[in-house]
Amino acid sequence: MNAPTRKDRTRPLELLIISAVLGLFAGLVVFMSTREIVLALIFLGVAFIVSLVVLAMLALAVQPTGDEKIDLAEQDDEQGNRPLGH
């Protein structure tokens, strides 16, 4: 079995960083317009969570390529798992 590449290992970190940047942006916009730190922190947290969930759902919606399908089939065979319906 091949070890995951560096890109595969850092993918979750990329999603967290993008979500954090979006959350900080929302928090800064609210803070600059209202000057209330508590409200800005609430918006920062909500924007972070919402953007993280949306990005994760979009990542799950991507169809695997031909090479990824072959790799998934090899992993299933190694573990003795058979896909349903085949």
PDB file of N, CA and C in Angstrom:
ATOM      1  N   MET A   1       0.845  -1.178   0.000  1.00  0.00           N
ATOM      2  CA  MET A   1       0.000   0.000   0.000  1.00  0.00           C
ATOM      3  C   MET A   1       0.887   1.238   0.000  1.00  0.00           C
ATOM      4  N   ASN A   2       0.538   2.213  -0.795  1.00  0.00           N
ATOM      5  CA  ASN A   2       1.305   3.441  -0.879  1.00  0.00           C
ATOM      6  C   ASN A   2       0.980   4.350   0.294  1.00  0.00           C
ATOM      7  N   ALA A   3       2.018   5.025   0.777  1.00  0.00           N
ATOM      8  CA  ALA A   3       1.815   5.992   1.853  1.00  0.00           C
ATOM      9  C   ALA A   3       1.140   7.227   1.272  1.00  0.00           C
ATOM     10  N   PRO A   4       0.304   7.903   2.059  1.00  0.00           N
ATOM     11  CA  PRO A   4      -0.348   9.108   1.540  1.00  0.00           C
ATOM     12  C   PRO A   4       0.683  10.181   1.208  1.00  0.00           C
ATOM     13  N   THR A   5       0.421  10.911   0.155  1.00  0.00           N
ATOM     14  CA  THR A   5       1.332  11.977  -0.237  1.00  0.00           C
ATOM     15  C   THR A   5       1.192  13.159   0.707  1.00  0.00           C
ATOM     16  N   ARG A   6       2.143  14.076   0.589  1.00  0.00           N
ATOM     17  CA  ARG A   6       2.104  15.252   1.452  1.00  0.00           C
ATOM     18  C   ARG A   6       0.837  16.066   1.199  1.00  0.00           C
ATOM     19  N   LYS A   7       0.417  16.126  -0.067  1.00  0.00           N
ATOM     20  CA  LYS A   7      -0.805  16.863  -0.408  1.00  0.00           C
ATOM     21  C   LYS A   7      -2.019  16.230   0.266  1.00  0.00           C
ATOM     22  N   ASP A   8      -2.078  14.894   0.298  1.00  0.00           N
ATOM     23  CA  ASP A   8      -3.192  14.204   0.941  1.00  0.00           C
ATOM     24  C   ASP A   8      -3.209  14.452   2.441  1.00  0.00           C
ATOM     25  N   ARG A   9      -2.031  14.526   3.041  1.00  0.00           N
ATOM     26  CA  ARG A   9      -1.966  14.732   4.491  1.00  0.00           C
ATOM     27  C   ARG A   9      -2.291  16.153   4.898  1.00  0.00           C
ATOM     28  N   THR A  10      -2.001  17.132   4.040  1.00  0.00           N
ATOM     29  CA  THR A  10      -2.246  18.527   4.406  1.00  0.00           C
ATOM     30  C   THR A  10      -3.615  19.028   3.961  1.00  0.00           C
ATOM     31  N   ARG A  11      -4.386  18.215   3.288  1.00  0.00           N
ATOM     32  CA  ARG A  11      -5.703  18.636   2.804  1.00  0.00           C
ATOM     33  C   ARG A  11      -6.628  19.114   3.937  1.00  0.00           C
ATOM     34  N   PRO A  12      -6.737  18.386   5.057  1.00  0.00           N
ATOM     35  CA  PRO A  12      -7.597  18.884   6.146  1.00  0.00           C
ATOM     36  C   PRO A  12      -7.091  20.213   6.724  1.00  0.00           C
ATOM     37  N   LEU A  13      -5.786  20.380   6.780  1.00  0.00           N
ATOM     38  CA  LEU A  13      -5.232  21.624   7.292  1.00  0.00           C
ATOM     39  C   LEU A  13      -5.588  22.790   6.375  1.00  0.00           C
ATOM     40  N   GLU A  14      -5.589  22.544   5.071  1.00  0.00           N
ATOM     41  CA  GLU A  14      -5.977  23.594   4.119  1.00  0.00           C
ATOM     42  C   GLU A  14      -7.420  24.032   4.356  1.00  0.00           C
ATOM     43  N   LEU A  15      -8.302  23.076   4.580  1.00  0.00           N
ATOM     44  CA  LEU A  15      -9.710  23.411   4.833  1.00  0.00           C
ATOM     45  C   LEU A  15      -9.855  24.223   6.118  1.00  0.00           C
ATOM     46  N   LEU A  16      -9.104  23.866   7.148  1.00  0.00           N
ATOM     47  CA  LEU A  16      -9.161  24.611   8.411  1.00  0.00           C
ATOM     48  C   LEU A  16      -8.634  26.035   8.247  1.00  0.00           C
ATOM     49  N   ILE A  17      -7.552  26.185   7.497  1.00  0.00           N
ATOM     50  CA  ILE A  17      -6.976  27.518   7.300  1.00  0.00           C
ATOM     51  C   ILE A  17      -7.926  28.406   6.501  1.00  0.00           C
ATOM     52  N   ILE A  18      -8.509  27.869   5.435  1.00  0.00           N
ATOM     53  CA  ILE A  18      -9.456  28.657   4.640  1.00  0.00           C
ATOM     54  C   ILE A  18     -10.655  29.069   5.494  1.00  0.00           C
ATOM     55  N   SER A  19     -11.154  28.148   6.305  1.00  0.00           N
ATOM     56  CA  SER A  19     -12.288  28.465   7.179  1.00  0.00           C
ATOM     57  C   SER A  19     -11.909  29.510   8.217  1.00  0.00           C
ATOM     58  N   ALA A  20     -10.699  29.414   8.741  1.00  0.00           N
ATOM     59  CA  ALA A  20     -10.246  30.397   9.727  1.00  0.00           C
ATOM     60  C   ALA A  20     -10.135  31.783   9.098  1.00  0.00           C
ATOM     61  N   VAL A  21      -9.639  31.865   7.879  1.00  0.00           N
ATOM     62  CA  VAL A  21      -9.520  33.155   7.201  1.00  0.00           C
ATOM     63  C   VAL A  21     -10.904  33.750   6.954  1.00  0.00           C
ATOM     64  N   LEU A  22     -11.846  32.920   6.506  1.00  0.00           N
ATOM     65  CA  LEU A  22     -13.208  33.415   6.294  1.00  0.00           C
ATOM     66  C   LEU A  22     -13.840  33.869   7.603  1.00  0.00           C
ATOM     67  N   GLY A  23     -13.600  33.133   8.687  1.00  0.00           N
ATOM     68  CA  GLY A  23     -14.125  33.520   9.991  1.00  0.00           C
ATOM     69  C   GLY A  23     -13.518  34.824  10.486  1.00  0.00           C
ATOM     70  N   LEU A  24     -12.198  34.977  10.306  1.00  0.00           N
ATOM     71  CA  LEU A  24     -11.547  36.225  10.704  1.00  0.00           C
ATOM     72  C   LEU A  24     -12.068  37.410   9.902  1.00  0.00           C
ATOM     73  N   PHE A  25     -12.287  37.193   8.619  1.00  0.00           N
ATOM     74  CA  PHE A  25     -12.827  38.267   7.779  1.00  0.00           C
ATOM     75  C   PHE A  25     -14.202  38.704   8.294  1.00  0.00           C
ATOM     76  N   ALA A  26     -15.061  37.733   8.570  1.00  0.00           N
ATOM     77  CA  ALA A  26     -16.403  38.067   9.064  1.00  0.00           C
ATOM     78  C   ALA A  26     -16.318  38.763  10.422  1.00  0.00           C
ATOM     79  N   GLY A  27     -15.450  38.272  11.281  1.00  0.00           N
ATOM     80  CA  GLY A  27     -15.285  38.889  12.593  1.00  0.00           C
ATOM     81  C   GLY A  27     -14.765  40.313  12.503  1.00  0.00           C
ATOM     82  N   LEU A  28     -13.802  40.541  11.605  1.00  0.00           N
ATOM     83  CA  LEU A  28     -13.261  41.893  11.440  1.00  0.00           C
ATOM     84  C   LEU A  28     -14.300  42.852  10.865  1.00  0.00           C
ATOM     85  N   VAL A  29     -15.084  42.387   9.916  1.00  0.00           N
ATOM     86  CA  VAL A  29     -16.126  43.246   9.338  1.00  0.00           C
ATOM     87  C   VAL A  29     -17.130  43.647  10.413  1.00  0.00           C
ATOM     88  N   VAL A  30     -17.554  42.689  11.220  1.00  0.00           N
ATOM     89  CA  VAL A  30     -18.526  43.004  12.280  1.00  0.00           C
ATOM     90  C   VAL A  30     -17.889  43.907  13.329  1.00  0.00           C
ATOM     91  N   PHE A  31     -16.638  43.636  13.691  1.00  0.00           N
ATOM     92  CA  PHE A  31     -15.981  44.461  14.709  1.00  0.00           C
ATOM     93  C   PHE A  31     -15.787  45.896  14.220  1.00  0.00           C
ATOM     94  N   MET A  32     -15.383  46.061  12.968  1.00  0.00           N
ATOM     95  CA  MET A  32     -15.158  47.405  12.442  1.00  0.00           C
ATOM     96  C   MET A  32     -16.467  48.198  12.286  1.00  0.00           C
ATOM     97  N   SER A  33     -17.554  47.492  12.070  1.00  0.00           N
ATOM     98  CA  SER A  33     -18.818  48.214  11.888  1.00  0.00           C
ATOM     99  C   SER A  33     -19.562  48.452  13.200  1.00  0.00           C
ATOM    100  N   THR A  34     -19.394  47.590  14.208  1.00  0.00           N
ATOM    101  CA  THR A  34     -20.142  47.755  15.457  1.00  0.00           C
ATOM    102  C   THR A  34     -19.268  48.135  16.649  1.00  0.00           C
ATOM    103  N   ARG A  35     -17.983  47.845  16.596  1.00  0.00           N
ATOM    104  CA  ARG A  35     -17.041  48.064  17.704  1.00  0.00           C
ATOM    105  C   ARG A  35     -17.409  47.258  18.957  1.00  0.00           C
ATOM    106  N   GLU A  36     -18.106  46.159  18.767  1.00  0.00           N
ATOM    107  CA  GLU A  36     -18.432  45.264  19.878  1.00  0.00           C
ATOM    108  C   GLU A  36     -17.673  43.964  19.699  1.00  0.00           C
ATOM    109  N   ILE A  37     -16.748  43.702  20.611  1.00  0.00           N
ATOM    110  CA  ILE A  37     -15.868  42.540  20.485  1.00  0.00           C
ATOM    111  C   ILE A  37     -16.629  41.232  20.663  1.00  0.00           C
ATOM    112  N   VAL A  38     -17.610  41.209  21.546  1.00  0.00           N
ATOM    113  CA  VAL A  38     -18.367  39.977  21.790  1.00  0.00           C
ATOM    114  C   VAL A  38     -19.165  39.587  20.547  1.00  0.00           C
ATOM    115  N   LEU A  39     -19.799  40.540  19.944  1.00  0.00           N
ATOM    116  CA  LEU A  39     -20.560  40.271  18.728  1.00  0.00           C
ATOM    117  C   LEU A  39     -19.631  39.831  17.597  1.00  0.00           C
ATOM    118  N   ALA A  40     -18.460  40.451  17.514  1.00  0.00           N
ATOM    119  CA  ALA A  40     -17.488  40.069  16.490  1.00  0.00           C
ATOM    120  C   ALA A  40     -16.997  38.643  16.713  1.00  0.00           C
ATOM    121  N   LEU A  41     -16.770  38.257  17.947  1.00  0.00           N
ATOM    122  CA  LEU A  41     -16.333  36.889  18.245  1.00  0.00           C
ATOM    123  C   LEU A  41     -17.421  35.871  17.921  1.00  0.00           C
ATOM    124  N   ILE A  42     -18.656  36.238  18.174  1.00  0.00           N
ATOM    125  CA  ILE A  42     -19.769  35.338  17.838  1.00  0.00           C
ATOM    126  C   ILE A  42     -19.832  35.130  16.329  1.00  0.00           C
ATOM    127  N   PHE A  43     -19.744  36.216  15.567  1.00  0.00           N
ATOM    128  CA  PHE A  43     -19.772  36.092  14.109  1.00  0.00           C
ATOM    129  C   PHE A  43     -18.552  35.339  13.594  1.00  0.00           C
ATOM    130  N   LEU A  44     -17.391  35.554  14.205  1.00  0.00           N
ATOM    131  CA  LEU A  44     -16.191  34.822  13.813  1.00  0.00           C
ATOM    132  C   LEU A  44     -16.405  33.326  13.983  1.00  0.00           C
ATOM    133  N   GLY A  45     -16.929  32.917  15.128  1.00  0.00           N
ATOM    134  CA  GLY A  45     -17.163  31.496  15.384  1.00  0.00           C
ATOM    135  C   GLY A  45     -18.199  30.885  14.459  1.00  0.00           C
ATOM    136  N   VAL A  46     -19.278  31.609  14.251  1.00  0.00           N
ATOM    137  CA  VAL A  46     -20.330  31.100  13.375  1.00  0.00           C
ATOM    138  C   VAL A  46     -19.828  30.991  11.939  1.00  0.00           C
ATOM    139  N   ALA A  47     -19.117  32.004  11.463  1.00  0.00           N
ATOM    140  CA  ALA A  47     -18.600  31.978  10.091  1.00  0.00           C
ATOM    141  C   ALA A  47     -17.570  30.860   9.926  1.00  0.00           C
ATOM    142  N   PHE A  48     -16.740  30.630  10.944  1.00  0.00           N
ATOM    143  CA  PHE A  48     -15.752  29.553  10.878  1.00  0.00           C
ATOM    144  C   PHE A  48     -16.440  28.199  10.753  1.00  0.00           C
ATOM    145  N   ILE A  49     -17.419  27.947  11.584  1.00  0.00           N
ATOM    146  CA  ILE A  49     -18.100  26.649  11.583  1.00  0.00           C
ATOM    147  C   ILE A  49     -18.880  26.442  10.283  1.00  0.00           C
ATOM    148  N   VAL A  50     -19.602  27.463   9.854  1.00  0.00           N
ATOM    149  CA  VAL A  50     -20.393  27.333   8.628  1.00  0.00           C
ATOM    150  C   VAL A  50     -19.485  27.105   7.422  1.00  0.00           C
ATOM    151  N   SER A  51     -18.406  27.882   7.326  1.00  0.00           N
ATOM    152  CA  SER A  51     -17.510  27.713   6.185  1.00  0.00           C
ATOM    153  C   SER A  51     -16.808  26.362   6.228  1.00  0.00           C
ATOM    154  N   LEU A  52     -16.469  25.870   7.404  1.00  0.00           N
ATOM    155  CA  LEU A  52     -15.836  24.552   7.517  1.00  0.00           C
ATOM    156  C   LEU A  52     -16.790  23.453   7.062  1.00  0.00           C
ATOM    157  N   VAL A  53     -18.042  23.533   7.462  1.00  0.00           N
ATOM    158  CA  VAL A  53     -19.031  22.526   7.061  1.00  0.00           C
ATOM    159  C   VAL A  53     -19.277  22.588   5.552  1.00  0.00           C
ATOM    160  N   VAL A  54     -19.396  23.798   5.001  1.00  0.00           N
ATOM    161  CA  VAL A  54     -19.644  23.932   3.564  1.00  0.00           C
ATOM    162  C   VAL A  54     -18.460  23.412   2.756  1.00  0.00           C
ATOM    163  N   LEU A  55     -17.242  23.767   3.155  1.00  0.00           N
ATOM    164  CA  LEU A  55     -16.065  23.278   2.432  1.00  0.00           C
ATOM    165  C   LEU A  55     -15.931  21.763   2.530  1.00  0.00           C
ATOM    166  N   ALA A  56     -16.238  21.195   3.693  1.00  0.00           N
ATOM    167  CA  ALA A  56     -16.160  19.741   3.844  1.00  0.00           C
ATOM    168  C   ALA A  56     -17.200  19.044   2.977  1.00  0.00           C
ATOM    169  N   MET A  57     -18.397  19.604   2.902  1.00  0.00           N
ATOM    170  CA  MET A  57     -19.428  19.010   2.055  1.00  0.00           C
ATOM    171  C   MET A  57     -19.055  19.116   0.574  1.00  0.00           C
ATOM    172  N   LEU A  58     -18.462  20.222   0.180  1.00  0.00           N
ATOM    173  CA  LEU A  58     -18.014  20.360  -1.203  1.00  0.00           C
ATOM    174  C   LEU A  58     -16.885  19.382  -1.516  1.00  0.00           C
ATOM    175  N   ALA A  59     -15.996  19.153  -0.558  1.00  0.00           N
ATOM    176  CA  ALA A  59     -14.910  18.196  -0.772  1.00  0.00           C
ATOM    177  C   ALA A  59     -15.458  16.778  -0.901  1.00  0.00           C
ATOM    178  N   LEU A  60     -16.507  16.472  -0.166  1.00  0.00           N
ATOM    179  CA  LEU A  60     -17.116  15.135  -0.271  1.00  0.00           C
ATOM    180  C   LEU A  60     -17.878  14.957  -1.573  1.00  0.00           C
ATOM    181  N   ALA A  61     -18.341  16.051  -2.165  1.00  0.00           N
ATOM    182  CA  ALA A  61     -19.140  15.961  -3.387  1.00  0.00           C
ATOM    183  C   ALA A  61     -18.302  15.723  -4.633  1.00  0.00           C
ATOM    184  N   VAL A  62     -16.993  15.893  -4.533  1.00  0.00           N
ATOM    185  CA  VAL A  62     -16.123  15.718  -5.692  1.00  0.00           C
ATOM    186  C   VAL A  62     -16.016  14.233  -6.016  1.00  0.00           C
ATOM    187  N   GLN A  63     -16.225  13.905  -7.288  1.00  0.00           N
ATOM    188  CA  GLN A  63     -16.132  12.511  -7.724  1.00  0.00           C
ATOM    189  C   GLN A  63     -14.663  12.117  -7.858  1.00  0.00           C
ATOM    190  N   PRO A  64     -14.298  10.901  -7.440  1.00  0.00           N
ATOM    191  CA  PRO A  64     -12.908  10.468  -7.588  1.00  0.00           C
ATOM    192  C   PRO A  64     -12.550  10.248  -9.058  1.00  0.00           C
ATOM    193  N   THR A  65     -11.285  10.489  -9.397  1.00  0.00           N
ATOM    194  CA  THR A  65     -10.809  10.279 -10.755  1.00  0.00           C
ATOM    195  C   THR A  65     -10.551   8.798 -10.983  1.00  0.00           C
ATOM    196  N   GLY A  66     -10.135   8.449 -12.189  1.00  0.00           N
ATOM    197  CA  GLY A  66      -9.880   7.047 -12.518  1.00  0.00           C
ATOM    198  C   GLY A  66      -8.803   6.438 -11.639  1.00  0.00           C
ATOM    199  N   ASP A  67      -7.700   7.163 -11.410  1.00  0.00           N
ATOM    200  CA  ASP A  67      -6.628   6.646 -10.562  1.00  0.00           C
ATOM    201  C   ASP A  67      -7.103   6.461  -9.125  1.00  0.00           C
ATOM    202  N   GLU A  68      -7.907   7.384  -8.628  1.00  0.00           N
ATOM    203  CA  GLU A  68      -8.418   7.269  -7.262  1.00  0.00           C
ATOM    204  C   GLU A  68      -9.360   6.081  -7.129  1.00  0.00           C
ATOM    205  N   LYS A  69     -10.169   5.824  -8.170  1.00  0.00           N
ATOM    206  CA  LYS A  69     -11.066   4.661  -8.123  1.00  0.00           C
ATOM    207  C   LYS A  69     -10.273   3.366  -8.068  1.00  0.00           C
ATOM    208  N   ILE A  70      -9.191   3.287  -8.833  1.00  0.00           N
ATOM    209  CA  ILE A  70      -8.340   2.092  -8.809  1.00  0.00           C
ATOM    210  C   ILE A  70      -7.709   1.920  -7.437  1.00  0.00           C
ATOM    211  N   ASP A  71      -7.227   3.026  -6.857  1.00  0.00           N
ATOM    212  CA  ASP A  71      -6.619   2.967  -5.534  1.00  0.00           C
ATOM    213  C   ASP A  71      -7.633   2.527  -4.481  1.00  0.00           C
ATOM    214  N   LEU A  72      -8.856   3.048  -4.561  1.00  0.00           N
ATOM    215  CA  LEU A  72      -9.894   2.645  -3.608  1.00  0.00           C
ATOM    216  C   LEU A  72     -10.228   1.157  -3.746  1.00  0.00           C
ATOM    217  N   ALA A  73     -10.281   0.668  -4.990  1.00  0.00           N
ATOM    218  CA  ALA A  73     -10.567  -0.752  -5.209  1.00  0.00           C
ATOM    219  C   ALA A  73      -9.446  -1.620  -4.655  1.00  0.00           C
ATOM    220  N   GLU A  74      -8.185  -1.191  -4.825  1.00  0.00           N
ATOM    221  CA  GLU A  74      -7.058  -1.950  -4.275  1.00  0.00           C
ATOM    222  C   GLU A  74      -7.115  -1.988  -2.750  1.00  0.00           C
ATOM    223  N   GLN A  75      -7.464  -0.877  -2.141  1.00  0.00           N
ATOM    224  CA  GLN A  75      -7.557  -0.838  -0.680  1.00  0.00           C
ATOM    225  C   GLN A  75      -8.680  -1.743  -0.184  1.00  0.00           C
ATOM    226  N   ASP A  76      -9.800  -1.769  -0.909  1.00  0.00           N
ATOM    227  CA  ASP A  76     -10.895  -2.657  -0.530  1.00  0.00           C
ATOM    228  C   ASP A  76     -10.471  -4.115  -0.629  1.00  0.00           C
ATOM    229  N   ASP A  77      -9.741  -4.467  -1.682  1.00  0.00           N
ATOM    230  CA  ASP A  77      -9.279  -5.844  -1.841  1.00  0.00           C
ATOM    231  C   ASP A  77      -8.292  -6.238  -0.747  1.00  0.00           C
ATOM    232  N   GLU A  78      -7.404  -5.330  -0.367  1.00  0.00           N
ATOM    233  CA  GLU A  78      -6.437  -5.623   0.688  1.00  0.00           C
ATOM    234  C   GLU A  78      -7.125  -5.864   2.028  1.00  0.00           C
ATOM    235  N   GLN A  79      -8.193  -5.140   2.304  1.00  0.00           N
ATOM    236  CA  GLN A  79      -8.888  -5.278   3.569  1.00  0.00           C
ATOM    237  C   GLN A  79      -9.957  -6.360   3.534  1.00  0.00           C
ATOM    238  N   GLY A  80     -10.178  -6.927   2.393  1.00  0.00           N
ATOM    239  CA  GLY A  80     -11.173  -7.987   2.265  1.00  0.00           C
ATOM    240  C   GLY A  80     -12.591  -7.469   2.160  1.00  0.00           C
ATOM    241  N   ASN A  81     -12.730  -6.172   1.945  1.00  0.00           N
ATOM    242  CA  ASN A  81     -14.071  -5.573   1.798  1.00  0.00           C
ATOM    243  C   ASN A  81     -14.496  -5.649   0.333  1.00  0.00           C
ATOM    244  N   ARG A  82     -15.679  -6.049   0.103  1.00  0.00           N
ATOM    245  CA  ARG A  82     -16.220  -6.082  -1.254  1.00  0.00           C
ATOM    246  C   ARG A  82     -17.259  -4.969  -1.384  1.00  0.00           C
ATOM    247  N   PRO A  83     -17.199  -4.165  -2.444  1.00  0.00           N
ATOM    248  CA  PRO A  83     -18.234  -3.146  -2.623  1.00  0.00           C
ATOM    249  C   PRO A  83     -19.598  -3.798  -2.831  1.00  0.00           C
ATOM    250  N   LEU A  84     -20.625  -3.176  -2.306  1.00  0.00           N
ATOM    251  CA  LEU A  84     -21.974  -3.704  -2.428  1.00  0.00           C
ATOM    252  C   LEU A  84     -22.453  -3.586  -3.862  1.00  0.00           C
ATOM    253  N   GLY A  85     -23.132  -4.590  -4.332  1.00  0.00           N
ATOM    254  CA  GLY A  85     -23.720  -4.566  -5.657  1.00  0.00           C
ATOM    255  C   GLY A  85     -22.781  -4.988  -6.765  1.00  0.00           C
ATOM    256  N   HIS A  86     -21.574  -5.436  -6.451  1.00  0.00           N
ATOM    257  CA  HIS A  86     -20.645  -5.854  -7.505  1.00  0.00           C
ATOM    258  C   HIS A  86     -20.245  -7.298  -7.332  1.00  0.00           C
TER     259      HIS A  86
END
